[in-house]
Amino acid sequence: MPFGRKLSRFLLIAFCTLVAMPAFADCRSALNGRELVWAWNEWVPYAYAGESDKPLGFDVDLVSRILDDAGCPYRFVNQPAKRAQQGLRDGSVDMMAAASITPERELFSRFSEAYRDERIVLFVLAGRAEALGGLTLDDAAERRLHLAAGLGGWYGKTYETHSADLQKAGLLLLTGDLEGRLRMLGSGRVDLVIEDQVAGIATARQLGLEHRLAVLPNPMNSDPVSLMFSRQSVPAEVVTLIDQAIERQKQSPDYQQIVAQYTRLSN
């Protein structure tokens, strides 16, 4: 290959590489040295108050690793969700975790790649898990199985489609007490409990039921969740760097161990 063509090819590759790289080498530079303001609110076990100012929980563990990997300094502020979203609009809050992407939110927020999934699952007695392994809500109704779920909870489209009919048939009990629902399952008063996987597992452990219960393998609903950033205060370059950190962390054994810790009944 003539020298001129080699040089042209080298310059083209170098140009494309530079274009593909983010404008900033690290998150701190992209933020001009300031900290990201991370708004959180109580949702056990995803985020809850610890003894210090720093919250604890599943999302805190995962997202802290991601931000540290990206080199983003941050600080926590405890705010109700509606107030925090208003902060995203005006730039007084930089980010929130556990966010679902909607067209309305995209008007004032940038979203990261998904960093975890949020699953709605069926809890059963461990001794019945194999027999009920492929169960659907249609199957549950046909077999006259009794279910319990939370009042006003979002459990996915399948649940929304079937819940009214299950209630009319006397097969669905709605309560505001997750501990009570899992106790009823443990004592055989209901056959199944519909619940967020992480919240249900954490509560089962608190009650000492982790070895008596099981999670059926097919989730009723599974949605990816992302980090949500203010368009007013967070440059797109920061989100790009955080997306790269998410991909690295998903391959990390430590990150995967955290996910397993919160999504398995017994370790």
C-alpha atoms as a PDB file:
ATOM      1  CA  MET A   1       0.000   0.000   0.000  1.00  0.00           C
ATOM      2  CA  PRO A   2       1.461   3.416  -0.955  1.00  0.00           C
ATOM      3  CA  PHE A   3       2.605   5.578   1.962  1.00  0.00           C
ATOM      4  CA  GLY A   4      -0.010   8.268   1.194  1.00  0.00           C
ATOM      5  CA  ARG A   5      -2.870   5.790   1.389  1.00  0.00           C
ATOM      6  CA  LYS A   6      -1.488   4.329   4.624  1.00  0.00           C
ATOM      7  CA  LEU A   7      -1.306   7.794   6.146  1.00  0.00           C
ATOM      8  CA  SER A   8      -4.839   8.659   5.035  1.00  0.00           C
ATOM      9  CA  ARG A   9      -6.175   5.432   6.512  1.00  0.00           C
ATOM     10  CA  PHE A  10      -4.344   6.073   9.800  1.00  0.00           C
ATOM     11  CA  LEU A  11      -5.734   9.590  10.036  1.00  0.00           C
ATOM     12  CA  LEU A  12      -9.264   8.358   9.292  1.00  0.00           C
ATOM     13  CA  ILE A  13      -9.073   5.713  12.056  1.00  0.00           C
ATOM     14  CA  ALA A  14      -7.662   8.254  14.492  1.00  0.00           C
ATOM     15  CA  PHE A  15     -10.445  10.732  13.659  1.00  0.00           C
ATOM     16  CA  CYS A  16     -13.175   8.125  14.108  1.00  0.00           C
ATOM     17  CA  THR A  17     -11.690   7.075  17.450  1.00  0.00           C
ATOM     18  CA  LEU A  18     -11.665  10.647  18.691  1.00  0.00           C
ATOM     19  CA  VAL A  19     -15.251  11.207  17.564  1.00  0.00           C
ATOM     20  CA  ALA A  20     -16.380   8.052  19.375  1.00  0.00           C
ATOM     21  CA  MET A  21     -14.733   9.088  22.648  1.00  0.00           C
ATOM     22  CA  PRO A  22     -16.643  11.209  25.161  1.00  0.00           C
ATOM     23  CA  ALA A  23     -15.682  14.855  25.329  1.00  0.00           C
ATOM     24  CA  PHE A  24     -14.460  14.388  28.917  1.00  0.00           C
ATOM     25  CA  ALA A  25     -12.103  11.707  30.197  1.00  0.00           C
ATOM     26  CA  ASP A  26     -13.818  11.488  33.589  1.00  0.00           C
ATOM     27  CA  CYS A  27     -17.079  12.411  35.241  1.00  0.00           C
ATOM     28  CA  ARG A  28     -15.565  14.880  37.710  1.00  0.00           C
ATOM     29  CA  SER A  29     -14.219  16.996  34.846  1.00  0.00           C
ATOM     30  CA  ALA A  30     -17.544  16.880  33.020  1.00  0.00           C
ATOM     31  CA  LEU A  31     -19.244  18.155  36.197  1.00  0.00           C
ATOM     32  CA  ASN A  32     -16.641  20.891  36.693  1.00  0.00           C
ATOM     33  CA  GLY A  33     -15.622  19.278  39.977  1.00  0.00           C
ATOM     34  CA  ARG A  34     -19.042  19.455  41.670  1.00  0.00           C
ATOM     35  CA  GLU A  35     -20.978  16.579  43.222  1.00  0.00           C
ATOM     36  CA  LEU A  36     -24.071  14.958  41.741  1.00  0.00           C
ATOM     37  CA  VAL A  37     -27.095  15.518  43.985  1.00  0.00           C
ATOM     38  CA  TRP A  38     -28.733  12.086  44.288  1.00  0.00           C
ATOM     39  CA  ALA A  39     -32.321  12.304  45.594  1.00  0.00           C
ATOM     40  CA  TRP A  40     -33.631   9.191  47.326  1.00  0.00           C
ATOM     41  CA  ASN A  41     -36.692   8.225  49.320  1.00  0.00           C
ATOM     42  CA  GLU A  42     -37.471   5.338  51.653  1.00  0.00           C
ATOM     43  CA  TRP A  43     -38.292   2.081  49.873  1.00  0.00           C
ATOM     44  CA  VAL A  44     -37.080  -0.937  51.813  1.00  0.00           C
ATOM     45  CA  PRO A  45     -34.934  -2.792  50.805  1.00  0.00           C
ATOM     46  CA  TYR A  46     -33.959  -0.637  47.808  1.00  0.00           C
ATOM     47  CA  ALA A  47     -33.089   2.458  49.861  1.00  0.00           C
ATOM     48  CA  TYR A  48     -33.563   3.129  53.567  1.00  0.00           C
ATOM     49  CA  ALA A  49     -31.984   5.185  56.315  1.00  0.00           C
ATOM     50  CA  GLY A  50     -28.880   3.848  58.012  1.00  0.00           C
ATOM     51  CA  GLU A  51     -27.109   5.027  61.143  1.00  0.00           C
ATOM     52  CA  SER A  52     -25.103   7.603  59.183  1.00  0.00           C
ATOM     53  CA  ASP A  53     -26.276  10.161  56.633  1.00  0.00           C
ATOM     54  CA  LYS A  54     -25.742   7.630  53.845  1.00  0.00           C
ATOM     55  CA  PRO A  55     -28.749   5.425  53.008  1.00  0.00           C
ATOM     56  CA  LEU A  56     -28.469   1.655  52.651  1.00  0.00           C
ATOM     57  CA  GLY A  57     -30.104  -0.841  50.300  1.00  0.00           C
ATOM     58  CA  PHE A  58     -30.064  -2.632  46.959  1.00  0.00           C
ATOM     59  CA  ASP A  59     -30.157   0.448  44.728  1.00  0.00           C
ATOM     60  CA  VAL A  60     -27.678   2.279  46.940  1.00  0.00           C
ATOM     61  CA  ASP A  61     -25.231  -0.632  46.692  1.00  0.00           C
ATOM     62  CA  LEU A  62     -25.535  -0.951  42.904  1.00  0.00           C
ATOM     63  CA  VAL A  63     -25.633   2.705  41.940  1.00  0.00           C
ATOM     64  CA  SER A  64     -22.802   3.701  44.286  1.00  0.00           C
ATOM     65  CA  ARG A  65     -20.572   1.164  42.529  1.00  0.00           C
ATOM     66  CA  ILE A  66     -21.581   2.553  39.134  1.00  0.00           C
ATOM     67  CA  LEU A  67     -20.904   6.173  40.089  1.00  0.00           C
ATOM     68  CA  ASP A  68     -17.585   5.289  41.725  1.00  0.00           C
ATOM     69  CA  ASP A  69     -16.577   3.363  38.589  1.00  0.00           C
ATOM     70  CA  ALA A  70     -17.440   6.375  36.413  1.00  0.00           C
ATOM     71  CA  GLY A  71     -15.509   8.710  38.736  1.00  0.00           C
ATOM     72  CA  CYS A  72     -18.595  10.738  39.639  1.00  0.00           C
ATOM     73  CA  PRO A  73     -18.621  12.433  43.058  1.00  0.00           C
ATOM     74  CA  TYR A  74     -22.080  12.499  44.632  1.00  0.00           C
ATOM     75  CA  ARG A  75     -24.036  13.313  47.768  1.00  0.00           C
ATOM     76  CA  PHE A  76     -27.433  12.156  49.010  1.00  0.00           C
ATOM     77  CA  VAL A  77     -30.551  14.184  49.711  1.00  0.00           C
ATOM     78  CA  ASN A  78     -33.686  12.526  51.117  1.00  0.00           C
ATOM     79  CA  GLN A  79     -36.775  13.854  49.296  1.00  0.00           C
ATOM     80  CA  PRO A  80     -40.260  12.563  48.421  1.00  0.00           C
ATOM     81  CA  ALA A  81     -40.437  11.329  44.826  1.00  0.00           C
ATOM     82  CA  LYS A  82     -42.671  14.154  43.529  1.00  0.00           C
ATOM     83  CA  ARG A  83     -40.473  16.843  45.040  1.00  0.00           C
ATOM     84  CA  ALA A  84     -37.356  15.132  43.680  1.00  0.00           C
ATOM     85  CA  GLN A  85     -38.817  15.030  40.161  1.00  0.00           C
ATOM     86  CA  GLN A  86     -39.543  18.749  40.412  1.00  0.00           C
ATOM     87  CA  GLY A  87     -35.891  19.152  41.378  1.00  0.00           C
ATOM     88  CA  LEU A  88     -34.898  17.327  38.207  1.00  0.00           C
ATOM     89  CA  ARG A  89     -36.977  19.809  36.227  1.00  0.00           C
ATOM     90  CA  ASP A  90     -35.319  22.893  37.731  1.00  0.00           C
ATOM     91  CA  GLY A  91     -31.842  21.392  38.170  1.00  0.00           C
ATOM     92  CA  SER A  92     -31.702  21.495  41.988  1.00  0.00           C
ATOM     93  CA  VAL A  93     -31.584  17.671  41.923  1.00  0.00           C
ATOM     94  CA  ASP A  94     -29.252  15.870  39.525  1.00  0.00           C
ATOM     95  CA  MET A  95     -30.368  12.254  39.653  1.00  0.00           C
ATOM     96  CA  MET A  96     -32.744   9.591  40.916  1.00  0.00           C
ATOM     97  CA  ALA A  97     -32.458   5.801  40.800  1.00  0.00           C
ATOM     98  CA  ALA A  98     -34.991   3.083  39.937  1.00  0.00           C
ATOM     99  CA  ALA A  99     -36.598   5.089  37.126  1.00  0.00           C
ATOM    100  CA  SER A 100     -38.836   3.872  34.321  1.00  0.00           C
ATOM    101  CA  ILE A 101     -38.554   5.748  31.041  1.00  0.00           C
ATOM    102  CA  THR A 102     -41.700   7.627  29.975  1.00  0.00           C
ATOM    103  CA  PRO A 103     -42.229  10.274  27.277  1.00  0.00           C
ATOM    104  CA  GLU A 104     -43.234  12.833  29.926  1.00  0.00           C
ATOM    105  CA  ARG A 105     -40.066  12.284  31.960  1.00  0.00           C
ATOM    106  CA  GLU A 106     -37.881  12.468  28.850  1.00  0.00           C
ATOM    107  CA  LEU A 107     -38.882  16.117  28.487  1.00  0.00           C
ATOM    108  CA  PHE A 108     -36.837  17.033  31.566  1.00  0.00           C
ATOM    109  CA  SER A 109     -34.581  13.999  32.115  1.00  0.00           C
ATOM    110  CA  ARG A 110     -31.819  12.009  30.494  1.00  0.00           C
ATOM    111  CA  PHE A 111     -31.816   8.273  31.147  1.00  0.00           C
ATOM    112  CA  SER A 112     -28.981   5.819  31.554  1.00  0.00           C
ATOM    113  CA  GLU A 113     -28.935   2.298  30.234  1.00  0.00           C
ATOM    114  CA  ALA A 114     -30.829  -0.131  32.468  1.00  0.00           C
ATOM    115  CA  TYR A 115     -28.772  -1.157  35.499  1.00  0.00           C
ATOM    116  CA  ARG A 116     -31.180  -3.817  36.844  1.00  0.00           C
ATOM    117  CA  ASP A 117     -34.591  -5.363  36.262  1.00  0.00           C
ATOM    118  CA  GLU A 118     -37.624  -4.966  38.477  1.00  0.00           C
ATOM    119  CA  ARG A 119     -39.539  -8.248  38.679  1.00  0.00           C
ATOM    120  CA  ILE A 120     -42.970  -9.172  39.974  1.00  0.00           C
ATOM    121  CA  VAL A 121     -42.984 -12.838  40.971  1.00  0.00           C
ATOM    122  CA  LEU A 122     -45.114 -15.500  42.616  1.00  0.00           C
ATOM    123  CA  PHE A 123     -44.064 -16.747  46.056  1.00  0.00           C
ATOM    124  CA  VAL A 124     -45.137 -20.273  47.058  1.00  0.00           C
ATOM    125  CA  LEU A 125     -44.377 -22.797  49.774  1.00  0.00           C
ATOM    126  CA  ALA A 126     -41.069 -24.455  48.910  1.00  0.00           C
ATOM    127  CA  GLY A 127     -42.657 -27.895  48.945  1.00  0.00           C
ATOM    128  CA  ARG A 128     -45.070 -26.910  46.166  1.00  0.00           C
ATOM    129  CA  ALA A 129     -42.592 -25.046  43.942  1.00  0.00           C
ATOM    130  CA  GLU A 130     -41.896 -27.935  41.570  1.00  0.00           C
ATOM    131  CA  ALA A 131     -45.579 -28.785  41.092  1.00  0.00           C
ATOM    132  CA  LEU A 132     -46.488 -25.138  40.411  1.00  0.00           C
ATOM    133  CA  GLY A 133     -43.363 -24.290  38.394  1.00  0.00           C
ATOM    134  CA  GLY A 134     -45.003 -23.145  35.137  1.00  0.00           C
ATOM    135  CA  LEU A 135     -48.096 -21.611  36.717  1.00  0.00           C
ATOM    136  CA  THR A 136     -49.909 -18.643  35.149  1.00  0.00           C
ATOM    137  CA  LEU A 137     -52.746 -16.574  36.619  1.00  0.00           C
ATOM    138  CA  ASP A 138     -55.144 -18.350  34.249  1.00  0.00           C
ATOM    139  CA  ASP A 139     -53.931 -21.661  35.675  1.00  0.00           C
ATOM    140  CA  ALA A 140     -54.340 -20.347  39.225  1.00  0.00           C
ATOM    141  CA  ALA A 141     -57.944 -19.353  38.553  1.00  0.00           C
ATOM    142  CA  GLU A 142     -58.750 -22.669  36.863  1.00  0.00           C
ATOM    143  CA  ARG A 143     -57.274 -24.604  39.789  1.00  0.00           C
ATOM    144  CA  ARG A 144     -59.062 -22.368  42.330  1.00  0.00           C
ATOM    145  CA  LEU A 145     -55.820 -21.354  44.011  1.00  0.00           C
ATOM    146  CA  HIS A 146     -55.986 -18.499  46.488  1.00  0.00           C
ATOM    147  CA  LEU A 147     -53.680 -15.520  45.975  1.00  0.00           C
ATOM    148  CA  ALA A 148     -52.734 -12.448  48.002  1.00  0.00           C
ATOM    149  CA  ALA A 149     -51.373  -9.135  46.719  1.00  0.00           C
ATOM    150  CA  GLY A 150     -50.851  -5.574  47.911  1.00  0.00           C
ATOM    151  CA  LEU A 151     -53.473  -2.866  47.844  1.00  0.00           C
ATOM    152  CA  GLY A 152     -52.894  -0.467  44.947  1.00  0.00           C
ATOM    153  CA  GLY A 153     -49.701  -2.173  43.772  1.00  0.00           C
ATOM    154  CA  TRP A 154     -48.602  -2.269  40.130  1.00  0.00           C
ATOM    155  CA  TYR A 155     -47.953  -5.908  39.281  1.00  0.00           C
ATOM    156  CA  GLY A 156     -47.936  -5.733  35.489  1.00  0.00           C
ATOM    157  CA  LYS A 157     -50.451  -5.960  32.665  1.00  0.00           C
ATOM    158  CA  THR A 158     -51.269  -9.633  33.227  1.00  0.00           C
ATOM    159  CA  TYR A 159     -52.307  -8.902  36.799  1.00  0.00           C
ATOM    160  CA  GLU A 160     -54.354  -5.875  35.734  1.00  0.00           C
ATOM    161  CA  THR A 161     -56.195  -8.046  33.217  1.00  0.00           C
ATOM    162  CA  HIS A 162     -57.076 -10.795  35.698  1.00  0.00           C
ATOM    163  CA  SER A 163     -57.311  -9.143  39.124  1.00  0.00           C
ATOM    164  CA  ALA A 164     -60.976  -8.078  38.962  1.00  0.00           C
ATOM    165  CA  ASP A 165     -62.149 -11.541  37.911  1.00  0.00           C
ATOM    166  CA  LEU A 166     -60.013 -13.190  40.596  1.00  0.00           C
ATOM    167  CA  GLN A 167     -61.514 -10.911  43.230  1.00  0.00           C
ATOM    168  CA  LYS A 168     -65.074 -11.634  42.081  1.00  0.00           C
ATOM    169  CA  ALA A 169     -64.324 -15.346  42.326  1.00  0.00           C
ATOM    170  CA  GLY A 170     -63.050 -14.892  45.886  1.00  0.00           C
ATOM    171  CA  LEU A 171     -59.556 -16.019  44.876  1.00  0.00           C
ATOM    172  CA  LEU A 172     -57.626 -12.763  45.394  1.00  0.00           C
ATOM    173  CA  LEU A 173     -57.087 -11.158  48.789  1.00  0.00           C
ATOM    174  CA  LEU A 174     -55.752  -7.563  48.842  1.00  0.00           C
ATOM    175  CA  THR A 175     -54.029  -6.239  51.964  1.00  0.00           C
ATOM    176  CA  GLY A 176     -51.627  -3.454  52.867  1.00  0.00           C
ATOM    177  CA  ASP A 177     -49.391  -5.704  54.963  1.00  0.00           C
ATOM    178  CA  LEU A 178     -46.662  -7.640  53.131  1.00  0.00           C
ATOM    179  CA  GLU A 179     -45.532  -9.360  56.334  1.00  0.00           C
ATOM    180  CA  GLY A 180     -49.091 -10.539  56.914  1.00  0.00           C
ATOM    181  CA  ARG A 181     -49.391 -11.870  53.357  1.00  0.00           C
ATOM    182  CA  LEU A 182     -46.190 -13.895  53.647  1.00  0.00           C
ATOM    183  CA  ARG A 183     -47.250 -15.234  57.039  1.00  0.00           C
ATOM    184  CA  MET A 184     -50.542 -16.373  55.490  1.00  0.00           C
ATOM    185  CA  LEU A 185     -48.561 -18.138  52.765  1.00  0.00           C
ATOM    186  CA  GLY A 186     -46.310 -19.779  55.349  1.00  0.00           C
ATOM    187  CA  SER A 187     -49.318 -21.058  57.302  1.00  0.00           C
ATOM    188  CA  GLY A 188     -51.138 -22.294  54.190  1.00  0.00           C
ATOM    189  CA  ARG A 189     -53.987 -19.764  54.334  1.00  0.00           C
ATOM    190  CA  VAL A 190     -53.193 -18.683  50.757  1.00  0.00           C
ATOM    191  CA  ASP A 191     -51.484 -20.604  47.964  1.00  0.00           C
ATOM    192  CA  LEU A 192     -49.538 -17.793  46.302  1.00  0.00           C
ATOM    193  CA  VAL A 193     -48.347 -14.267  47.050  1.00  0.00           C
ATOM    194  CA  ILE A 194     -47.785 -11.795  44.209  1.00  0.00           C
ATOM    195  CA  GLU A 195     -44.969  -9.405  45.077  1.00  0.00           C
ATOM    196  CA  ASP A 196     -41.928  -7.458  43.973  1.00  0.00           C
ATOM    197  CA  GLN A 197     -39.141 -10.040  44.084  1.00  0.00           C
ATOM    198  CA  VAL A 198     -36.619  -8.023  46.103  1.00  0.00           C
ATOM    199  CA  ALA A 199     -39.146  -6.656  48.615  1.00  0.00           C
ATOM    200  CA  GLY A 200     -40.701 -10.090  49.106  1.00  0.00           C
ATOM    201  CA  ILE A 201     -37.354 -11.792  49.666  1.00  0.00           C
ATOM    202  CA  ALA A 202     -36.174  -9.171  52.153  1.00  0.00           C
ATOM    203  CA  THR A 203     -39.419  -9.476  54.136  1.00  0.00           C
ATOM    204  CA  ALA A 204     -39.328 -13.285  54.074  1.00  0.00           C
ATOM    205  CA  ARG A 205     -35.833 -13.169  55.576  1.00  0.00           C
ATOM    206  CA  GLN A 206     -36.962 -10.786  58.311  1.00  0.00           C
ATOM    207  CA  LEU A 207     -39.734 -13.245  59.195  1.00  0.00           C
ATOM    208  CA  GLY A 208     -37.408 -16.261  59.122  1.00  0.00           C
ATOM    209  CA  LEU A 209     -39.358 -17.777  56.206  1.00  0.00           C
ATOM    210  CA  GLU A 210     -36.588 -17.846  53.608  1.00  0.00           C
ATOM    211  CA  HIS A 211     -36.196 -21.631  53.780  1.00  0.00           C
ATOM    212  CA  ARG A 212     -39.935 -22.329  53.763  1.00  0.00           C
ATOM    213  CA  LEU A 213     -40.800 -20.255  50.679  1.00  0.00           C
ATOM    214  CA  ALA A 214     -39.759 -20.310  47.034  1.00  0.00           C
ATOM    215  CA  VAL A 215     -40.037 -18.009  44.031  1.00  0.00           C
ATOM    216  CA  LEU A 216     -41.563 -19.486  40.874  1.00  0.00           C
ATOM    217  CA  PRO A 217     -39.105 -19.200  37.961  1.00  0.00           C
ATOM    218  CA  ASN A 218     -41.212 -17.235  35.458  1.00  0.00           C
ATOM    219  CA  PRO A 219     -41.819 -13.622  36.565  1.00  0.00           C
ATOM    220  CA  MET A 220     -45.299 -12.202  36.077  1.00  0.00           C
ATOM    221  CA  ASN A 221     -43.721  -8.939  34.975  1.00  0.00           C
ATOM    222  CA  SER A 222     -40.175  -7.719  34.387  1.00  0.00           C
ATOM    223  CA  ASP A 223     -39.212  -4.133  33.579  1.00  0.00           C
ATOM    224  CA  PRO A 224     -35.757  -2.581  33.180  1.00  0.00           C
ATOM    225  CA  VAL A 225     -35.021   0.405  35.403  1.00  0.00           C
ATOM    226  CA  SER A 226     -32.525   3.187  34.759  1.00  0.00           C
ATOM    227  CA  LEU A 227     -30.937   6.190  36.399  1.00  0.00           C
ATOM    228  CA  MET A 228     -32.730   9.463  35.676  1.00  0.00           C
ATOM    229  CA  PHE A 229     -30.700  12.693  35.316  1.00  0.00           C
ATOM    230  CA  SER A 230     -31.729  16.335  35.098  1.00  0.00           C
ATOM    231  CA  ARG A 231     -31.397  17.844  31.616  1.00  0.00           C
ATOM    232  CA  GLN A 232     -30.893  21.203  33.313  1.00  0.00           C
ATOM    233  CA  SER A 233     -27.822  20.256  35.320  1.00  0.00           C
ATOM    234  CA  VAL A 234     -26.258  17.043  33.969  1.00  0.00           C
ATOM    235  CA  PRO A 235     -24.463  17.075  30.589  1.00  0.00           C
ATOM    236  CA  ALA A 236     -25.047  14.217  28.171  1.00  0.00           C
ATOM    237  CA  GLU A 237     -21.324  13.369  28.449  1.00  0.00           C
ATOM    238  CA  VAL A 238     -21.842  12.406  32.101  1.00  0.00           C
ATOM    239  CA  VAL A 239     -24.614   9.957  31.168  1.00  0.00           C
ATOM    240  CA  THR A 240     -22.352   8.442  28.500  1.00  0.00           C
ATOM    241  CA  LEU A 241     -19.618   7.847  31.066  1.00  0.00           C
ATOM    242  CA  ILE A 242     -22.125   6.321  33.477  1.00  0.00           C
ATOM    243  CA  ASP A 243     -23.512   4.056  30.733  1.00  0.00           C
ATOM    244  CA  GLN A 244     -19.979   2.766  30.149  1.00  0.00           C
ATOM    245  CA  ALA A 245     -19.609   2.143  33.900  1.00  0.00           C
ATOM    246  CA  ILE A 246     -22.943   0.247  33.957  1.00  0.00           C
ATOM    247  CA  GLU A 247     -21.728  -2.096  31.226  1.00  0.00           C
ATOM    248  CA  ARG A 248     -18.470  -2.724  33.089  1.00  0.00           C
ATOM    249  CA  GLN A 249     -20.231  -3.303  36.381  1.00  0.00           C
ATOM    250  CA  LYS A 250     -22.741  -5.749  34.920  1.00  0.00           C
ATOM    251  CA  GLN A 251     -19.779  -7.973  34.018  1.00  0.00           C
ATOM    252  CA  SER A 252     -18.231  -7.581  37.473  1.00  0.00           C
ATOM    253  CA  PRO A 253     -18.457 -10.572  39.873  1.00  0.00           C
ATOM    254  CA  ASP A 254     -18.939  -8.157  42.799  1.00  0.00           C
ATOM    255  CA  TYR A 255     -21.909  -6.469  41.097  1.00  0.00           C
ATOM    256  CA  GLN A 256     -23.419  -9.828  40.202  1.00  0.00           C
ATOM    257  CA  GLN A 257     -22.968 -10.975  43.807  1.00  0.00           C
ATOM    258  CA  ILE A 258     -24.921  -7.946  45.058  1.00  0.00           C
ATOM    259  CA  VAL A 259     -27.764  -8.772  42.643  1.00  0.00           C
ATOM    260  CA  ALA A 260     -27.772 -12.394  43.796  1.00  0.00           C
ATOM    261  CA  GLN A 261     -27.772 -11.338  47.449  1.00  0.00           C
ATOM    262  CA  TYR A 262     -31.017  -9.400  47.025  1.00  0.00           C
ATOM    263  CA  THR A 263     -32.785 -11.692  44.517  1.00  0.00           C
ATOM    264  CA  ARG A 264     -32.268 -15.143  46.067  1.00  0.00           C
ATOM    265  CA  LEU A 265     -34.210 -16.346  49.071  1.00  0.00           C
ATOM    266  CA  SER A 266     -31.269 -18.222  50.628  1.00  0.00           C
ATOM    267  CA  ASN A 267     -27.556 -17.624  49.986  1.00  0.00           C
END
